[in-house]
């Protein structure tokens, strides 16, 4: 999940956009009249006037999810994610609407928030971009959502040379590395895809400091293909493949009755060296409807409080 935050001056344009009748529907709202779009806009404007000095009272946020998670993303799930995201970001005690759009392949929702809260105070945007990135990643991991690499977001069919060849090498490397134990095996595997491998030494010494890959007349340093394709990163992965295979071979050769402490020690070492990879692969918690219900009850209390404040002003 990623989020994009835009600040705006007026509510009319953004409300009309997010409630476009052809490709959207309202999931949730708080603090606004829902008779029609005009009522929603007027509700935002009335509260905006509690602090007319603020030039940009609009927070428009789009929450985008991977198409890989499409089957999981019910309206209820996405509304719950939006509520938890807003709570963590500090968007509290204010008006908002949450809508879902269906105009793209990837599922996404839009949130319109009044930065002027129910008490007439402006909701701070200090360090908002940094907090946004951190919270999106935390929620993505918490609910086991798909995390795409930067390469997966590129429209490769539109690429021209030499970028087209660079991506071909990248995909070939990702496919080959996991099944090779050393550089000799990797070089042979890449040759099947027409990719040549060349090492770069440190000056006049025999110490290897880099690697280059070539195809279709183009050559690239490994780190220029992707940061995971540098010599040191690939070498580390090949070493882990070798160690894991040795451990598995040792286990297969052990008699059934023999103590397996040595194998366990080897596997613990591998697990430790992978830097928590096995922990990441553990099942992530699923969406908790009870948690969403807590958010809804809190929102109901805020609506009641706001209604009382409104009556007192009258």
C-alpha atoms as a PDB file:
ATOM      1  CA  UNK A   1       0.000   0.000   0.000  1.00  0.00           C
ATOM      2  CA  UNK A   2       1.247   3.475  -0.842  1.00  0.00           C
ATOM      3  CA  UNK A   3      -0.342   6.850  -0.177  1.00  0.00           C
ATOM      4  CA  UNK A   4      -0.143  10.181  -1.949  1.00  0.00           C
ATOM      5  CA  UNK A   5      -1.097  13.322  -0.022  1.00  0.00           C
ATOM      6  CA  UNK A   6      -2.131  16.551  -1.748  1.00  0.00           C
ATOM      7  CA  UNK A   7      -3.069  19.797  -0.019  1.00  0.00           C
ATOM      8  CA  UNK A   8      -5.751  21.989  -1.554  1.00  0.00           C
ATOM      9  CA  UNK A   9      -7.550  25.288  -1.146  1.00  0.00           C
ATOM     10  CA  UNK A  10     -11.144  24.315  -1.907  1.00  0.00           C
ATOM     11  CA  UNK A  11     -13.414  21.322  -1.332  1.00  0.00           C
ATOM     12  CA  UNK A  12     -15.723  21.591  -4.333  1.00  0.00           C
ATOM     13  CA  UNK A  13     -13.351  20.278  -6.981  1.00  0.00           C
ATOM     14  CA  UNK A  14     -11.979  17.376  -4.970  1.00  0.00           C
ATOM     15  CA  UNK A  15     -15.393  16.237  -3.689  1.00  0.00           C
ATOM     16  CA  UNK A  16     -16.809  16.284  -7.215  1.00  0.00           C
ATOM     17  CA  UNK A  17     -13.839  14.225  -8.402  1.00  0.00           C
ATOM     18  CA  UNK A  18     -13.833  11.526  -5.719  1.00  0.00           C
ATOM     19  CA  UNK A  19     -17.623  11.102  -5.949  1.00  0.00           C
ATOM     20  CA  UNK A  20     -17.722  10.765  -9.731  1.00  0.00           C
ATOM     21  CA  UNK A  21     -20.832   8.618 -10.271  1.00  0.00           C
ATOM     22  CA  UNK A  22     -19.341   6.606 -13.143  1.00  0.00           C
ATOM     23  CA  UNK A  23     -16.493   4.924 -11.292  1.00  0.00           C
ATOM     24  CA  UNK A  24     -16.794   5.531  -7.559  1.00  0.00           C
ATOM     25  CA  UNK A  25     -18.898   4.859  -4.520  1.00  0.00           C
ATOM     26  CA  UNK A  26     -18.857   6.154  -0.960  1.00  0.00           C
ATOM     27  CA  UNK A  27     -17.500   3.742   1.664  1.00  0.00           C
ATOM     28  CA  UNK A  28     -17.573   5.794   4.834  1.00  0.00           C
ATOM     29  CA  UNK A  29     -17.978   9.356   6.086  1.00  0.00           C
ATOM     30  CA  UNK A  30     -17.926  11.344   9.289  1.00  0.00           C
ATOM     31  CA  UNK A  31     -19.133  14.842  10.171  1.00  0.00           C
ATOM     32  CA  UNK A  32     -20.789  15.705   6.847  1.00  0.00           C
ATOM     33  CA  UNK A  33     -24.355  15.687   5.546  1.00  0.00           C
ATOM     34  CA  UNK A  34     -24.802  12.936   2.958  1.00  0.00           C
ATOM     35  CA  UNK A  35     -27.940  14.128   1.183  1.00  0.00           C
ATOM     36  CA  UNK A  36     -25.955  14.849  -2.009  1.00  0.00           C
ATOM     37  CA  UNK A  37     -22.596  16.173  -3.157  1.00  0.00           C
ATOM     38  CA  UNK A  38     -23.599  19.767  -2.555  1.00  0.00           C
ATOM     39  CA  UNK A  39     -24.492  18.970   1.063  1.00  0.00           C
ATOM     40  CA  UNK A  40     -21.106  17.329   1.592  1.00  0.00           C
ATOM     41  CA  UNK A  41     -19.284  20.330   0.127  1.00  0.00           C
ATOM     42  CA  UNK A  42     -21.239  22.802   2.278  1.00  0.00           C
ATOM     43  CA  UNK A  43     -20.515  20.741   5.397  1.00  0.00           C
ATOM     44  CA  UNK A  44     -16.771  20.967   4.724  1.00  0.00           C
ATOM     45  CA  UNK A  45     -16.964  24.699   3.984  1.00  0.00           C
ATOM     46  CA  UNK A  46     -18.895  25.497   7.181  1.00  0.00           C
ATOM     47  CA  UNK A  47     -16.221  23.865   9.332  1.00  0.00           C
ATOM     48  CA  UNK A  48     -13.445  25.434   7.248  1.00  0.00           C
ATOM     49  CA  UNK A  49     -14.749  28.862   8.293  1.00  0.00           C
ATOM     50  CA  UNK A  50     -13.903  28.066  11.927  1.00  0.00           C
ATOM     51  CA  UNK A  51     -10.327  28.980  10.954  1.00  0.00           C
ATOM     52  CA  UNK A  52     -10.475  31.138   7.804  1.00  0.00           C
ATOM     53  CA  UNK A  53      -6.784  32.093   8.027  1.00  0.00           C
ATOM     54  CA  UNK A  54      -5.725  28.631   6.819  1.00  0.00           C
ATOM     55  CA  UNK A  55      -5.113  28.867   3.070  1.00  0.00           C
ATOM     56  CA  UNK A  56      -5.109  25.104   2.361  1.00  0.00           C
ATOM     57  CA  UNK A  57      -7.662  23.298   4.529  1.00  0.00           C
ATOM     58  CA  UNK A  58      -8.019  20.298   2.191  1.00  0.00           C
ATOM     59  CA  UNK A  59      -6.134  17.021   2.587  1.00  0.00           C
ATOM     60  CA  UNK A  60      -6.743  14.715  -0.378  1.00  0.00           C
ATOM     61  CA  UNK A  61      -5.171  11.282   0.076  1.00  0.00           C
ATOM     62  CA  UNK A  62      -5.196   8.349  -2.340  1.00  0.00           C
ATOM     63  CA  UNK A  63      -4.395   4.909  -0.919  1.00  0.00           C
ATOM     64  CA  UNK A  64      -3.205   2.580  -3.672  1.00  0.00           C
ATOM     65  CA  UNK A  65      -2.975  -1.208  -3.370  1.00  0.00           C
ATOM     66  CA  UNK A  66      -1.314  -3.833  -5.549  1.00  0.00           C
ATOM     67  CA  UNK A  67      -3.400  -5.730  -8.083  1.00  0.00           C
ATOM     68  CA  UNK A  68      -1.906  -8.851  -6.429  1.00  0.00           C
ATOM     69  CA  UNK A  69      -4.190  -8.212  -3.421  1.00  0.00           C
ATOM     70  CA  UNK A  70      -7.323  -7.517  -5.449  1.00  0.00           C
ATOM     71  CA  UNK A  71      -9.247 -10.581  -4.248  1.00  0.00           C
ATOM     72  CA  UNK A  72      -8.673  -9.637  -0.607  1.00  0.00           C
ATOM     73  CA  UNK A  73      -9.718  -6.008  -0.877  1.00  0.00           C
ATOM     74  CA  UNK A  74     -13.382  -5.882   0.026  1.00  0.00           C
ATOM     75  CA  UNK A  75     -15.022  -2.523   0.685  1.00  0.00           C
ATOM     76  CA  UNK A  76     -15.038  -3.333   4.394  1.00  0.00           C
ATOM     77  CA  UNK A  77     -11.322  -4.130   4.414  1.00  0.00           C
ATOM     78  CA  UNK A  78     -10.363  -0.958   2.549  1.00  0.00           C
ATOM     79  CA  UNK A  79     -12.523   1.252   4.763  1.00  0.00           C
ATOM     80  CA  UNK A  80     -10.900  -0.298   7.833  1.00  0.00           C
ATOM     81  CA  UNK A  81      -7.427   0.312   6.387  1.00  0.00           C
ATOM     82  CA  UNK A  82      -8.310   3.946   5.696  1.00  0.00           C
ATOM     83  CA  UNK A  83      -9.566   4.468   9.250  1.00  0.00           C
ATOM     84  CA  UNK A  84      -6.454   2.942  10.783  1.00  0.00           C
ATOM     85  CA  UNK A  85      -4.213   4.939   8.437  1.00  0.00           C
ATOM     86  CA  UNK A  86      -5.926   8.207   9.425  1.00  0.00           C
ATOM     87  CA  UNK A  87      -5.715   7.374  13.119  1.00  0.00           C
ATOM     88  CA  UNK A  88      -1.973   6.723  12.885  1.00  0.00           C
ATOM     89  CA  UNK A  89      -1.382   9.847  10.812  1.00  0.00           C
ATOM     90  CA  UNK A  90      -3.158  12.002  13.387  1.00  0.00           C
ATOM     91  CA  UNK A  91      -6.231  12.931  11.347  1.00  0.00           C
ATOM     92  CA  UNK A  92      -8.620  12.927  14.300  1.00  0.00           C
ATOM     93  CA  UNK A  93     -11.732  14.845  15.397  1.00  0.00           C
ATOM     94  CA  UNK A  94     -12.497  16.183  11.952  1.00  0.00           C
ATOM     95  CA  UNK A  95     -14.666  15.648   8.879  1.00  0.00           C
ATOM     96  CA  UNK A  96     -13.805  13.167   6.150  1.00  0.00           C
ATOM     97  CA  UNK A  97     -15.221  10.999   3.384  1.00  0.00           C
ATOM     98  CA  UNK A  98     -13.778   7.742   2.024  1.00  0.00           C
ATOM     99  CA  UNK A  99     -14.579   6.642  -1.526  1.00  0.00           C
ATOM    100  CA  UNK A 100     -13.498   3.718  -3.692  1.00  0.00           C
ATOM    101  CA  UNK A 101     -12.683   4.112  -7.380  1.00  0.00           C
ATOM    102  CA  UNK A 102     -12.852   1.425 -10.081  1.00  0.00           C
ATOM    103  CA  UNK A 103     -11.239   3.265 -12.999  1.00  0.00           C
ATOM    104  CA  UNK A 104      -7.838   1.504 -12.885  1.00  0.00           C
ATOM    105  CA  UNK A 105      -6.520  -2.054 -12.617  1.00  0.00           C
ATOM    106  CA  UNK A 106      -5.048  -1.528  -9.167  1.00  0.00           C
ATOM    107  CA  UNK A 107      -7.551  -1.095  -6.305  1.00  0.00           C
ATOM    108  CA  UNK A 108      -7.482   2.312  -4.641  1.00  0.00           C
ATOM    109  CA  UNK A 109      -9.485   4.628  -2.437  1.00  0.00           C
ATOM    110  CA  UNK A 110      -9.633   8.384  -1.968  1.00  0.00           C
ATOM    111  CA  UNK A 111      -9.930  10.188   1.351  1.00  0.00           C
ATOM    112  CA  UNK A 112     -10.947  13.838   1.630  1.00  0.00           C
ATOM    113  CA  UNK A 113     -10.170  15.305   5.046  1.00  0.00           C
ATOM    114  CA  UNK A 114     -10.819  18.727   6.553  1.00  0.00           C
ATOM    115  CA  UNK A 115      -7.558  19.947   8.088  1.00  0.00           C
ATOM    116  CA  UNK A 116      -9.642  22.275  10.258  1.00  0.00           C
ATOM    117  CA  UNK A 117     -10.784  19.975  13.056  1.00  0.00           C
ATOM    118  CA  UNK A 118     -14.019  20.087  15.024  1.00  0.00           C
ATOM    119  CA  UNK A 119     -12.507  22.611  17.441  1.00  0.00           C
ATOM    120  CA  UNK A 120     -11.317  25.004  14.730  1.00  0.00           C
ATOM    121  CA  UNK A 121      -7.651  23.993  15.020  1.00  0.00           C
ATOM    122  CA  UNK A 122      -5.476  23.060  12.059  1.00  0.00           C
ATOM    123  CA  UNK A 123      -4.246  19.450  11.919  1.00  0.00           C
ATOM    124  CA  UNK A 124      -0.472  19.595  11.634  1.00  0.00           C
ATOM    125  CA  UNK A 125       1.345  18.394   8.520  1.00  0.00           C
ATOM    126  CA  UNK A 126       4.788  18.408  10.168  1.00  0.00           C
ATOM    127  CA  UNK A 127       6.982  15.585   8.794  1.00  0.00           C
ATOM    128  CA  UNK A 128       3.884  14.305   7.025  1.00  0.00           C
ATOM    129  CA  UNK A 129       5.677  12.708   4.074  1.00  0.00           C
ATOM    130  CA  UNK A 130       8.093  10.792   6.288  1.00  0.00           C
ATOM    131  CA  UNK A 131       5.324   9.600   8.590  1.00  0.00           C
ATOM    132  CA  UNK A 132       3.214   8.633   5.585  1.00  0.00           C
ATOM    133  CA  UNK A 133       5.932   6.386   4.106  1.00  0.00           C
ATOM    134  CA  UNK A 134       6.624   4.715   7.452  1.00  0.00           C
ATOM    135  CA  UNK A 135       2.964   4.073   8.296  1.00  0.00           C
ATOM    136  CA  UNK A 136       2.127   2.705   4.841  1.00  0.00           C
ATOM    137  CA  UNK A 137       4.929   0.149   5.103  1.00  0.00           C
ATOM    138  CA  UNK A 138       3.891  -0.806   8.650  1.00  0.00           C
ATOM    139  CA  UNK A 139       0.283  -1.418   7.578  1.00  0.00           C
ATOM    140  CA  UNK A 140       1.375  -3.299   4.458  1.00  0.00           C
ATOM    141  CA  UNK A 141       3.444  -5.688   6.570  1.00  0.00           C
ATOM    142  CA  UNK A 142       0.875  -5.926   9.365  1.00  0.00           C
ATOM    143  CA  UNK A 143      -1.858  -7.183   7.043  1.00  0.00           C
ATOM    144  CA  UNK A 144       0.402  -9.224   4.765  1.00  0.00           C
ATOM    145  CA  UNK A 145      -0.196  -7.109   1.665  1.00  0.00           C
ATOM    146  CA  UNK A 146       1.954  -7.449  -1.433  1.00  0.00           C
ATOM    147  CA  UNK A 147       5.174  -5.422  -1.518  1.00  0.00           C
ATOM    148  CA  UNK A 148       6.257  -4.697  -5.079  1.00  0.00           C
ATOM    149  CA  UNK A 149       9.814  -3.910  -6.076  1.00  0.00           C
ATOM    150  CA  UNK A 150      10.523  -0.789  -8.099  1.00  0.00           C
ATOM    151  CA  UNK A 151      11.164  -2.885 -11.211  1.00  0.00           C
ATOM    152  CA  UNK A 152       7.641  -4.333 -11.113  1.00  0.00           C
ATOM    153  CA  UNK A 153       6.046  -0.926 -11.575  1.00  0.00           C
ATOM    154  CA  UNK A 154       7.795  -0.269 -14.891  1.00  0.00           C
ATOM    155  CA  UNK A 155       5.806  -0.674 -18.127  1.00  0.00           C
ATOM    156  CA  UNK A 156       8.441  -2.800 -19.827  1.00  0.00           C
ATOM    157  CA  UNK A 157       6.620  -3.118 -23.154  1.00  0.00           C
ATOM    158  CA  UNK A 158       7.242   0.617 -23.674  1.00  0.00           C
ATOM    159  CA  UNK A 159      10.977   0.478 -22.994  1.00  0.00           C
ATOM    160  CA  UNK A 160      13.554   1.217 -25.691  1.00  0.00           C
ATOM    161  CA  UNK A 161      17.189   0.170 -25.820  1.00  0.00           C
ATOM    162  CA  UNK A 162      19.341  -0.038 -23.799  1.00  0.00           C
ATOM    163  CA  UNK A 163      16.754  -0.136 -20.984  1.00  0.00           C
ATOM    164  CA  UNK A 164      14.913  -3.011 -22.646  1.00  0.00           C
ATOM    165  CA  UNK A 165      18.029  -5.211 -22.510  1.00  0.00           C
ATOM    166  CA  UNK A 166      18.797  -4.086 -18.941  1.00  0.00           C
ATOM    167  CA  UNK A 167      15.426  -5.388 -17.766  1.00  0.00           C
ATOM    168  CA  UNK A 168      15.889  -8.647 -19.647  1.00  0.00           C
ATOM    169  CA  UNK A 169      19.168  -9.186 -17.777  1.00  0.00           C
ATOM    170  CA  UNK A 170      17.506  -8.265 -14.474  1.00  0.00           C
ATOM    171  CA  UNK A 171      14.760 -10.872 -14.888  1.00  0.00           C
ATOM    172  CA  UNK A 172      17.243 -13.534 -16.025  1.00  0.00           C
ATOM    173  CA  UNK A 173      19.383 -12.874 -12.943  1.00  0.00           C
ATOM    174  CA  UNK A 174      16.443 -13.097 -10.557  1.00  0.00           C
ATOM    175  CA  UNK A 175      15.432 -16.404 -12.110  1.00  0.00           C
ATOM    176  CA  UNK A 176      18.934 -17.906 -12.142  1.00  0.00           C
ATOM    177  CA  UNK A 177      20.462 -16.852  -8.827  1.00  0.00           C
ATOM    178  CA  UNK A 178      18.152 -18.854  -6.573  1.00  0.00           C
ATOM    179  CA  UNK A 179      19.138 -22.189  -8.189  1.00  0.00           C
ATOM    180  CA  UNK A 180      22.920 -21.642  -8.421  1.00  0.00           C
ATOM    181  CA  UNK A 181      25.557 -22.293  -5.764  1.00  0.00           C
ATOM    182  CA  UNK A 182      28.528 -20.458  -7.262  1.00  0.00           C
ATOM    183  CA  UNK A 183      29.580 -18.092 -10.023  1.00  0.00           C
ATOM    184  CA  UNK A 184      30.453 -20.894 -12.443  1.00  0.00           C
ATOM    185  CA  UNK A 185      26.919 -22.246 -12.275  1.00  0.00           C
ATOM    186  CA  UNK A 186      25.452 -18.770 -12.548  1.00  0.00           C
ATOM    187  CA  UNK A 187      27.550 -17.874 -15.604  1.00  0.00           C
ATOM    188  CA  UNK A 188      26.467 -21.098 -17.335  1.00  0.00           C
ATOM    189  CA  UNK A 189      22.809 -20.460 -16.506  1.00  0.00           C
ATOM    190  CA  UNK A 190      22.932 -16.883 -17.814  1.00  0.00           C
ATOM    191  CA  UNK A 191      24.564 -18.019 -21.060  1.00  0.00           C
ATOM    192  CA  UNK A 192      21.371 -19.955 -21.816  1.00  0.00           C
ATOM    193  CA  UNK A 193      19.703 -16.529 -22.068  1.00  0.00           C
ATOM    194  CA  UNK A 194      22.527 -15.074 -24.135  1.00  0.00           C
ATOM    195  CA  UNK A 195      24.035 -13.133 -21.214  1.00  0.00           C
ATOM    196  CA  UNK A 196      27.793 -12.932 -20.724  1.00  0.00           C
ATOM    197  CA  UNK A 197      29.380 -12.352 -17.313  1.00  0.00           C
ATOM    198  CA  UNK A 198      32.666 -10.485 -16.782  1.00  0.00           C
ATOM    199  CA  UNK A 199      34.434  -9.747 -13.490  1.00  0.00           C
ATOM    200  CA  UNK A 200      36.223  -6.485 -12.707  1.00  0.00           C
ATOM    201  CA  UNK A 201      39.391  -6.663 -10.622  1.00  0.00           C
ATOM    202  CA  UNK A 202      40.770  -4.155  -8.187  1.00  0.00           C
ATOM    203  CA  UNK A 203      43.633  -2.556 -10.114  1.00  0.00           C
ATOM    204  CA  UNK A 204      46.398  -5.025 -10.979  1.00  0.00           C
ATOM    205  CA  UNK A 205      45.346  -7.466  -8.241  1.00  0.00           C
ATOM    206  CA  UNK A 206      43.274 -10.606  -8.588  1.00  0.00           C
ATOM    207  CA  UNK A 207      40.713  -9.347  -6.093  1.00  0.00           C
ATOM    208  CA  UNK A 208      37.263  -9.062  -7.678  1.00  0.00           C
ATOM    209  CA  UNK A 209      35.489  -5.798  -6.949  1.00  0.00           C
ATOM    210  CA  UNK A 210      32.650  -5.823  -9.468  1.00  0.00           C
ATOM    211  CA  UNK A 211      30.742  -7.658 -12.183  1.00  0.00           C
ATOM    212  CA  UNK A 212      29.373  -6.712 -15.601  1.00  0.00           C
ATOM    213  CA  UNK A 213      26.660  -8.392 -17.636  1.00  0.00           C
ATOM    214  CA  UNK A 214      26.340  -8.124 -21.402  1.00  0.00           C
ATOM    215  CA  UNK A 215      23.638  -8.906 -23.952  1.00  0.00           C
ATOM    216  CA  UNK A 216      22.570  -7.639 -27.384  1.00  0.00           C
ATOM    217  CA  UNK A 217      25.754  -5.560 -27.605  1.00  0.00           C
ATOM    218  CA  UNK A 218      25.054  -3.707 -24.354  1.00  0.00           C
ATOM    219  CA  UNK A 219      26.967  -4.062 -21.080  1.00  0.00           C
ATOM    220  CA  UNK A 220      25.953  -2.988 -17.578  1.00  0.00           C
ATOM    221  CA  UNK A 221      27.591  -3.014 -14.180  1.00  0.00           C
ATOM    222  CA  UNK A 222      25.601  -5.245 -11.852  1.00  0.00           C
ATOM    223  CA  UNK A 223      24.764  -2.370  -9.494  1.00  0.00           C
ATOM    224  CA  UNK A 224      23.432  -0.333 -12.451  1.00  0.00           C
ATOM    225  CA  UNK A 225      20.955  -3.084 -13.285  1.00  0.00           C
ATOM    226  CA  UNK A 226      19.632  -3.113  -9.734  1.00  0.00           C
ATOM    227  CA  UNK A 227      21.114  -2.628  -6.282  1.00  0.00           C
ATOM    228  CA  UNK A 228      20.448  -6.311  -5.585  1.00  0.00           C
ATOM    229  CA  UNK A 229      22.629  -7.269  -8.567  1.00  0.00           C
ATOM    230  CA  UNK A 230      25.977  -5.911  -7.377  1.00  0.00           C
ATOM    231  CA  UNK A 231      28.874  -8.361  -7.107  1.00  0.00           C
ATOM    232  CA  UNK A 232      28.792  -8.431  -3.298  1.00  0.00           C
ATOM    233  CA  UNK A 233      25.004  -8.967  -3.108  1.00  0.00           C
ATOM    234  CA  UNK A 234      24.991 -11.776  -5.664  1.00  0.00           C
ATOM    235  CA  UNK A 235      28.078 -13.397  -4.112  1.00  0.00           C
ATOM    236  CA  UNK A 236      26.392 -13.411  -0.706  1.00  0.00           C
ATOM    237  CA  UNK A 237      23.262 -15.082  -2.085  1.00  0.00           C
ATOM    238  CA  UNK A 238      25.300 -17.736  -3.887  1.00  0.00           C
ATOM    239  CA  UNK A 239      27.189 -18.504  -0.676  1.00  0.00           C
ATOM    240  CA  UNK A 240      23.921 -18.928   1.198  1.00  0.00           C
ATOM    241  CA  UNK A 241      22.641 -21.288  -1.495  1.00  0.00           C
ATOM    242  CA  UNK A 242      25.796 -23.381  -1.137  1.00  0.00           C
ATOM    243  CA  UNK A 243      25.590 -23.508   2.655  1.00  0.00           C
ATOM    244  CA  UNK A 244      21.919 -24.435   2.613  1.00  0.00           C
ATOM    245  CA  UNK A 245      22.485 -27.245   0.119  1.00  0.00           C
ATOM    246  CA  UNK A 246      25.366 -28.617   2.188  1.00  0.00           C
ATOM    247  CA  UNK A 247      23.205 -28.593   5.293  1.00  0.00           C
ATOM    248  CA  UNK A 248      20.378 -30.400   3.494  1.00  0.00           C
ATOM    249  CA  UNK A 249      22.827 -32.978   2.080  1.00  0.00           C
ATOM    250  CA  UNK A 250      24.303 -33.563   5.525  1.00  0.00           C
ATOM    251  CA  UNK A 251      20.831 -34.098   6.976  1.00  0.00           C
ATOM    252  CA  UNK A 252      19.936 -36.612   4.257  1.00  0.00           C
ATOM    253  CA  UNK A 253      23.103 -38.635   4.946  1.00  0.00           C
ATOM    254  CA  UNK A 254      22.574 -38.807   8.724  1.00  0.00           C
ATOM    255  CA  UNK A 255      21.226 -42.122  10.119  1.00  0.00           C
ATOM    256  CA  UNK A 256      17.731 -41.752  11.496  1.00  0.00           C
ATOM    257  CA  UNK A 257      18.924 -42.542  15.043  1.00  0.00           C
ATOM    258  CA  UNK A 258      21.898 -40.127  15.037  1.00  0.00           C
ATOM    259  CA  UNK A 259      21.815 -36.910  17.015  1.00  0.00           C
ATOM    260  CA  UNK A 260      21.190 -33.985  14.683  1.00  0.00           C
ATOM    261  CA  UNK A 261      22.749 -31.210  16.726  1.00  0.00           C
ATOM    262  CA  UNK A 262      25.305 -30.324  14.046  1.00  0.00           C
ATOM    263  CA  UNK A 263      22.619 -29.879  11.390  1.00  0.00           C
ATOM    264  CA  UNK A 264      20.507 -27.777  13.741  1.00  0.00           C
ATOM    265  CA  UNK A 265      23.517 -25.584  14.469  1.00  0.00           C
ATOM    266  CA  UNK A 266      24.151 -25.093  10.740  1.00  0.00           C
ATOM    267  CA  UNK A 267      20.538 -24.179  10.050  1.00  0.00           C
ATOM    268  CA  UNK A 268      20.517 -21.711  12.954  1.00  0.00           C
ATOM    269  CA  UNK A 269      23.609 -20.066  11.486  1.00  0.00           C
ATOM    270  CA  UNK A 270      21.952 -19.792   8.065  1.00  0.00           C
ATOM    271  CA  UNK A 271      18.755 -18.374   9.579  1.00  0.00           C
ATOM    272  CA  UNK A 272      20.746 -15.788  11.508  1.00  0.00           C
ATOM    273  CA  UNK A 273      22.794 -14.757   8.474  1.00  0.00           C
ATOM    274  CA  UNK A 274      19.663 -14.222   6.410  1.00  0.00           C
ATOM    275  CA  UNK A 275      18.829 -11.310   8.690  1.00  0.00           C
ATOM    276  CA  UNK A 276      15.325 -12.319   9.743  1.00  0.00           C
ATOM    277  CA  UNK A 277      14.116 -13.492   6.337  1.00  0.00           C
ATOM    278  CA  UNK A 278      12.352 -16.471   7.904  1.00  0.00           C
ATOM    279  CA  UNK A 279      10.542 -14.132  10.295  1.00  0.00           C
ATOM    280  CA  UNK A 280       9.290 -12.076   7.348  1.00  0.00           C
ATOM    281  CA  UNK A 281       7.897 -15.213   5.726  1.00  0.00           C
ATOM    282  CA  UNK A 282       5.739 -16.034   8.756  1.00  0.00           C
ATOM    283  CA  UNK A 283       1.987 -15.551   8.220  1.00  0.00           C
ATOM    284  CA  UNK A 284       0.896 -11.972   8.785  1.00  0.00           C
ATOM    285  CA  UNK A 285      -2.188 -11.122  10.830  1.00  0.00           C
ATOM    286  CA  UNK A 286      -5.438 -10.869   8.956  1.00  0.00           C
ATOM    287  CA  UNK A 287      -7.773  -7.908   8.985  1.00  0.00           C
ATOM    288  CA  UNK A 288      -9.578  -7.630  12.315  1.00  0.00           C
ATOM    289  CA  UNK A 289     -13.220  -6.619  12.036  1.00  0.00           C
ATOM    290  CA  UNK A 290     -13.341  -5.976  15.788  1.00  0.00           C
ATOM    291  CA  UNK A 291     -10.625  -3.363  15.365  1.00  0.00           C
ATOM    292  CA  UNK A 292     -12.589  -1.685  12.604  1.00  0.00           C
ATOM    293  CA  UNK A 293     -15.638  -1.661  14.864  1.00  0.00           C
ATOM    294  CA  UNK A 294     -13.638   0.203  17.494  1.00  0.00           C
ATOM    295  CA  UNK A 295     -12.787   2.861  14.913  1.00  0.00           C
ATOM    296  CA  UNK A 296     -16.451   3.136  13.931  1.00  0.00           C
ATOM    297  CA  UNK A 297     -17.560   3.589  17.557  1.00  0.00           C
ATOM    298  CA  UNK A 298     -14.937   6.280  18.072  1.00  0.00           C
ATOM    299  CA  UNK A 299     -16.139   8.048  14.945  1.00  0.00           C
ATOM    300  CA  UNK A 300     -19.727   7.896  16.223  1.00  0.00           C
ATOM    301  CA  UNK A 301     -18.669   9.528  19.488  1.00  0.00           C
ATOM    302  CA  UNK A 302     -16.908  12.294  17.574  1.00  0.00           C
ATOM    303  CA  UNK A 303     -20.044  12.915  15.475  1.00  0.00           C
ATOM    304  CA  UNK A 304     -22.166  13.192  18.630  1.00  0.00           C
ATOM    305  CA  UNK A 305     -19.660  15.589  20.196  1.00  0.00           C
ATOM    306  CA  UNK A 306     -19.598  17.722  17.050  1.00  0.00           C
ATOM    307  CA  UNK A 307     -23.418  17.836  16.915  1.00  0.00           C
ATOM    308  CA  UNK A 308     -23.528  19.100  20.493  1.00  0.00           C
ATOM    309  CA  UNK A 309     -20.922  21.755  19.704  1.00  0.00           C
ATOM    310  CA  UNK A 310     -22.917  22.818  16.645  1.00  0.00           C
ATOM    311  CA  UNK A 311     -26.134  23.159  18.676  1.00  0.00           C
ATOM    312  CA  UNK A 312     -24.300  25.239  21.279  1.00  0.00           C
ATOM    313  CA  UNK A 313     -23.069  27.624  18.571  1.00  0.00           C
ATOM    314  CA  UNK A 314     -26.676  28.064  17.428  1.00  0.00           C
END
